[in-house]
PDB file of N, CA and C in Angstrom:
ATOM      1  N   MET A   1      22.901 -34.650  15.884  1.00  0.00           N
ATOM      2  CA  MET A   1      21.624 -34.651  15.159  1.00  0.00           C
ATOM      3  C   MET A   1      20.602 -33.765  15.853  1.00  0.00           C
ATOM      4  N   ALA A   2      20.568 -33.766  17.197  1.00  0.00           N
ATOM      5  CA  ALA A   2      19.625 -32.906  17.963  1.00  0.00           C
ATOM      6  C   ALA A   2      19.954 -31.446  17.730  1.00  0.00           C
ATOM      7  N   GLY A   3      21.244 -31.114  17.567  1.00  0.00           N
ATOM      8  CA  GLY A   3      21.635 -29.732  17.315  1.00  0.00           C
ATOM      9  C   GLY A   3      21.158 -29.240  15.957  1.00  0.00           C
ATOM     10  N   GLU A   4      21.184 -30.152  14.965  1.00  0.00           N
ATOM     11  CA  GLU A   4      20.708 -29.785  13.646  1.00  0.00           C
ATOM     12  C   GLU A   4      19.205 -29.498  13.668  1.00  0.00           C
ATOM     13  N   VAL A   5      18.473 -30.345  14.377  1.00  0.00           N
ATOM     14  CA  VAL A   5      17.013 -30.155  14.477  1.00  0.00           C
ATOM     15  C   VAL A   5      16.702 -28.821  15.166  1.00  0.00           C
ATOM     16  N   GLU A   6      17.418 -28.562  16.230  1.00  0.00           N
ATOM     17  CA  GLU A   6      17.191 -27.278  16.928  1.00  0.00           C
ATOM     18  C   GLU A   6      17.511 -26.084  16.016  1.00  0.00           C
ATOM     19  N   GLY A   7      18.577 -26.188  15.258  1.00  0.00           N
ATOM     20  CA  GLY A   7      18.945 -25.127  14.325  1.00  0.00           C
ATOM     21  C   GLY A   7      17.888 -24.938  13.258  1.00  0.00           C
ATOM     22  N   LEU A   8      17.305 -26.021  12.760  1.00  0.00           N
ATOM     23  CA  LEU A   8      16.223 -25.893  11.783  1.00  0.00           C
ATOM     24  C   LEU A   8      14.974 -25.268  12.378  1.00  0.00           C
ATOM     25  N   LYS A   9      14.697 -25.570  13.621  1.00  0.00           N
ATOM     26  CA  LYS A   9      13.511 -24.997  14.304  1.00  0.00           C
ATOM     27  C   LYS A   9      13.685 -23.502  14.451  1.00  0.00           C
ATOM     28  N   VAL A  10      14.937 -23.085  14.800  1.00  0.00           N
ATOM     29  CA  VAL A  10      15.206 -21.672  14.956  1.00  0.00           C
ATOM     30  C   VAL A  10      15.106 -20.937  13.579  1.00  0.00           C
ATOM     31  N   SER A  11      15.620 -21.579  12.549  1.00  0.00           N
ATOM     32  CA  SER A  11      15.526 -21.001  11.198  1.00  0.00           C
ATOM     33  C   SER A  11      14.086 -20.892  10.756  1.00  0.00           C
ATOM     34  N   LEU A  12      13.276 -21.941  11.011  1.00  0.00           N
ATOM     35  CA  LEU A  12      11.874 -21.925  10.650  1.00  0.00           C
ATOM     36  C   LEU A  12      11.143 -20.814  11.370  1.00  0.00           C
ATOM     37  N   ALA A  13      11.406 -20.653  12.666  1.00  0.00           N
ATOM     38  CA  ALA A  13      10.757 -19.613  13.436  1.00  0.00           C
ATOM     39  C   ALA A  13      11.130 -18.213  12.896  1.00  0.00           C
ATOM     40  N   GLY A  14      12.373 -18.057  12.524  1.00  0.00           N
ATOM     41  CA  GLY A  14      12.812 -16.779  11.946  1.00  0.00           C
ATOM     42  C   GLY A  14      12.168 -16.505  10.627  1.00  0.00           C
ATOM     43  N   ALA A  15      12.012 -17.523   9.797  1.00  0.00           N
ATOM     44  CA  ALA A  15      11.356 -17.364   8.512  1.00  0.00           C
ATOM     45  C   ALA A  15       9.878 -17.052   8.687  1.00  0.00           C
ATOM     46  N   GLN A  16       9.209 -17.700   9.616  1.00  0.00           N
ATOM     47  CA  GLN A  16       7.825 -17.431   9.873  1.00  0.00           C
ATOM     48  C   GLN A  16       7.608 -16.000  10.391  1.00  0.00           C
ATOM     49  N   GLN A  17       8.497 -15.556  11.222  1.00  0.00           N
ATOM     50  CA  GLN A  17       8.421 -14.174  11.724  1.00  0.00           C
ATOM     51  C   GLN A  17       8.589 -13.158  10.609  1.00  0.00           C
ATOM     52  N   LYS A  18       9.531 -13.433   9.722  1.00  0.00           N
ATOM     53  CA  LYS A  18       9.797 -12.504   8.583  1.00  0.00           C
ATOM     54  C   LYS A  18       8.546 -12.466   7.650  1.00  0.00           C
ATOM     55  N   LEU A  19       7.952 -13.595   7.394  1.00  0.00           N
ATOM     56  CA  LEU A  19       6.768 -13.668   6.577  1.00  0.00           C
ATOM     57  C   LEU A  19       5.606 -12.889   7.222  1.00  0.00           C
ATOM     58  N   ALA A  20       5.482 -12.975   8.529  1.00  0.00           N
ATOM     59  CA  ALA A  20       4.442 -12.255   9.252  1.00  0.00           C
ATOM     60  C   ALA A  20       4.648 -10.750   9.139  1.00  0.00           C
ATOM     61  N   GLU A  21       5.917 -10.318   9.278  1.00  0.00           N
ATOM     62  CA  GLU A  21       6.261  -8.916   9.154  1.00  0.00           C
ATOM     63  C   GLU A  21       5.967  -8.417   7.746  1.00  0.00           C
ATOM     64  N   LEU A  22       6.265  -9.180   6.742  1.00  0.00           N
ATOM     65  CA  LEU A  22       6.022  -8.762   5.347  1.00  0.00           C
ATOM     66  C   LEU A  22       4.548  -8.686   5.077  1.00  0.00           C
ATOM     67  N   GLY A  23       3.764  -9.629   5.618  1.00  0.00           N
ATOM     68  CA  GLY A  23       2.329  -9.598   5.462  1.00  0.00           C
ATOM     69  C   GLY A  23       1.693  -8.352   6.084  1.00  0.00           C
ATOM     70  N   GLU A  24       2.175  -8.006   7.291  1.00  0.00           N
ATOM     71  CA  GLU A  24       1.686  -6.838   7.959  1.00  0.00           C
ATOM     72  C   GLU A  24       2.022  -5.551   7.166  1.00  0.00           C
ATOM     73  N   ARG A  25       3.202  -5.492   6.647  1.00  0.00           N
ATOM     74  CA  ARG A  25       3.630  -4.346   5.873  1.00  0.00           C
ATOM     75  C   ARG A  25       2.771  -4.164   4.620  1.00  0.00           C
ATOM     76  N   ASP A  26       2.455  -5.301   3.954  1.00  0.00           N
ATOM     77  CA  ASP A  26       1.626  -5.225   2.791  1.00  0.00           C
ATOM     78  C   ASP A  26       0.226  -4.760   3.128  1.00  0.00           C
ATOM     79  N   ARG A  27      -0.341  -5.175   4.220  1.00  0.00           N
ATOM     80  CA  ARG A  27      -1.679  -4.709   4.659  1.00  0.00           C
ATOM     81  C   ARG A  27      -1.669  -3.257   4.936  1.00  0.00           C
ATOM     82  N   ARG A  28      -0.622  -2.712   5.553  1.00  0.00           N
ATOM     83  CA  ARG A  28      -0.552  -1.317   5.880  1.00  0.00           C
ATOM     84  C   ARG A  28      -0.339  -0.485   4.607  1.00  0.00           C
ATOM     85  N   ALA A  29       0.297  -1.029   3.605  1.00  0.00           N
ATOM     86  CA  ALA A  29       0.608  -0.260   2.395  1.00  0.00           C
ATOM     87  C   ALA A  29      -0.534  -0.266   1.418  1.00  0.00           C
ATOM     88  N   ALA A  30      -1.596  -0.988   1.688  1.00  0.00           N
ATOM     89  CA  ALA A  30      -2.744  -1.018   0.770  1.00  0.00           C
ATOM     90  C   ALA A  30      -3.334   0.405   0.629  1.00  0.00           C
ATOM     91  N   THR A  31      -3.738   0.807  -0.571  1.00  0.00           N
ATOM     92  CA  THR A  31      -4.288   2.089  -0.764  1.00  0.00           C
ATOM     93  C   THR A  31      -5.730   2.080  -0.396  1.00  0.00           C
ATOM     94  N   VAL A  32      -6.158   3.131   0.283  1.00  0.00           N
ATOM     95  CA  VAL A  32      -7.532   3.253   0.718  1.00  0.00           C
ATOM     96  C   VAL A  32      -8.111   4.503   0.009  1.00  0.00           C
ATOM     97  N   ASN A  33      -9.196   4.321  -0.705  1.00  0.00           N
ATOM     98  CA  ASN A  33      -9.834   5.442  -1.373  1.00  0.00           C
ATOM     99  C   ASN A  33     -10.742   6.200  -0.384  1.00  0.00           C
ATOM    100  N   LEU A  34     -10.413   7.442  -0.107  1.00  0.00           N
ATOM    101  CA  LEU A  34     -11.185   8.247   0.823  1.00  0.00           C
ATOM    102  C   LEU A  34     -12.217   9.120   0.143  1.00  0.00           C
ATOM    103  N   GLY A  35     -12.276   9.020  -1.158  1.00  0.00           N
ATOM    104  CA  GLY A  35     -13.273   9.809  -1.886  1.00  0.00           C
ATOM    105  C   GLY A  35     -12.830  11.233  -2.167  1.00  0.00           C
ATOM    106  N   ILE A  36     -11.624  11.563  -1.874  1.00  0.00           N
ATOM    107  CA  ILE A  36     -11.101  12.925  -2.106  1.00  0.00           C
ATOM    108  C   ILE A  36     -10.700  13.005  -3.586  1.00  0.00           C
ATOM    109  N   PRO A  37     -11.209  14.037  -4.287  1.00  0.00           N
ATOM    110  CA  PRO A  37     -10.853  14.115  -5.698  1.00  0.00           C
ATOM    111  C   PRO A  37      -9.387  14.405  -5.929  1.00  0.00           C
ATOM    112  N   SER A  38      -8.836  13.823  -6.927  1.00  0.00           N
ATOM    113  CA  SER A  38      -7.420  14.024  -7.267  1.00  0.00           C
ATOM    114  C   SER A  38      -7.289  15.316  -8.082  1.00  0.00           C
ATOM    115  N   PHE A  39      -6.059  15.726  -8.272  1.00  0.00           N
ATOM    116  CA  PHE A  39      -5.819  16.922  -9.097  1.00  0.00           C
ATOM    117  C   PHE A  39      -6.338  16.718 -10.520  1.00  0.00           C
ATOM    118  N   ARG A  40      -6.161  15.519 -11.053  1.00  0.00           N
ATOM    119  CA  ARG A  40      -6.620  15.197 -12.367  1.00  0.00           C
ATOM    120  C   ARG A  40      -8.149  15.394 -12.502  1.00  0.00           C
ATOM    121  N   ASP A  41      -8.872  14.968 -11.469  1.00  0.00           N
ATOM    122  CA  ASP A  41     -10.349  15.160 -11.471  1.00  0.00           C
ATOM    123  C   ASP A  41     -10.725  16.651 -11.462  1.00  0.00           C
ATOM    124  N   ILE A  42      -9.983  17.413 -10.684  1.00  0.00           N
ATOM    125  CA  ILE A  42     -10.320  18.818 -10.560  1.00  0.00           C
ATOM    126  C   ILE A  42      -9.863  19.587 -11.807  1.00  0.00           C
ATOM    127  N   ALA A  43      -8.637  19.343 -12.285  1.00  0.00           N
ATOM    128  CA  ALA A  43      -8.103  20.071 -13.449  1.00  0.00           C
ATOM    129  C   ALA A  43      -8.784  19.731 -14.728  1.00  0.00           C
ATOM    130  N   GLY A  44      -9.504  18.654 -14.755  1.00  0.00           N
ATOM    131  CA  GLY A  44     -10.179  18.250 -15.996  1.00  0.00           C
ATOM    132  C   GLY A  44     -11.397  19.078 -16.272  1.00  0.00           C
ATOM    133  N   ARG A  45     -11.818  19.863 -15.306  1.00  0.00           N
ATOM    134  CA  ARG A  45     -13.018  20.732 -15.502  1.00  0.00           C
ATOM    135  C   ARG A  45     -12.567  22.069 -16.119  1.00  0.00           C
ATOM    136  N   THR A  46     -13.348  22.575 -17.038  1.00  0.00           N
ATOM    137  CA  THR A  46     -13.052  23.843 -17.697  1.00  0.00           C
ATOM    138  C   THR A  46     -14.239  24.744 -17.554  1.00  0.00           C
ATOM    139  N   VAL A  47     -13.960  26.013 -17.506  1.00  0.00           N
ATOM    140  CA  VAL A  47     -14.994  27.033 -17.395  1.00  0.00           C
ATOM    141  C   VAL A  47     -14.804  27.937 -18.627  1.00  0.00           C
ATOM    142  N   THR A  48     -15.866  28.156 -19.379  1.00  0.00           N
ATOM    143  CA  THR A  48     -15.767  29.037 -20.524  1.00  0.00           C
ATOM    144  C   THR A  48     -16.504  30.301 -20.263  1.00  0.00           C
ATOM    145  N   ALA A  49     -15.900  31.422 -20.624  1.00  0.00           N
ATOM    146  CA  ALA A  49     -16.520  32.744 -20.434  1.00  0.00           C
ATOM    147  C   ALA A  49     -17.484  32.993 -21.629  1.00  0.00           C
ATOM    148  N   ALA A  50     -18.448  33.831 -21.347  1.00  0.00           N
ATOM    149  CA  ALA A  50     -19.369  34.180 -22.423  1.00  0.00           C
ATOM    150  C   ALA A  50     -18.594  34.882 -23.545  1.00  0.00           C
ATOM    151  N   GLU A  51     -18.977  34.613 -24.749  1.00  0.00           N
ATOM    152  CA  GLU A  51     -18.251  35.134 -25.924  1.00  0.00           C
ATOM    153  C   GLU A  51     -18.410  36.670 -26.017  1.00  0.00           C
ATOM    154  N   ASN A  52     -19.602  37.157 -25.743  1.00  0.00           N
ATOM    155  CA  ASN A  52     -19.813  38.615 -25.924  1.00  0.00           C
ATOM    156  C   ASN A  52     -20.407  39.144 -24.639  1.00  0.00           C
ATOM    157  N   GLN A  53     -19.594  39.847 -23.857  1.00  0.00           N
ATOM    158  CA  GLN A  53     -20.099  40.375 -22.621  1.00  0.00           C
ATOM    159  C   GLN A  53     -20.358  41.876 -22.648  1.00  0.00           C
ATOM    160  N   THR A  54     -20.513  42.434 -23.811  1.00  0.00           N
ATOM    161  CA  THR A  54     -20.685  43.884 -23.960  1.00  0.00           C
ATOM    162  C   THR A  54     -22.096  44.299 -23.813  1.00  0.00           C
TER     163      THR A  54
END
């Protein structure tokens, strides 16, 4: 019986460690907006030339 309890404690500790690792990975993977314009923002702008430059 004591061996089973010890095995469950080891399994619980391993599961808690894995959950902590996954939580840390998710926090690092979060996207941070740095305010840098994307290509879509830049390419969406158009410049028109004057129709008659003569």
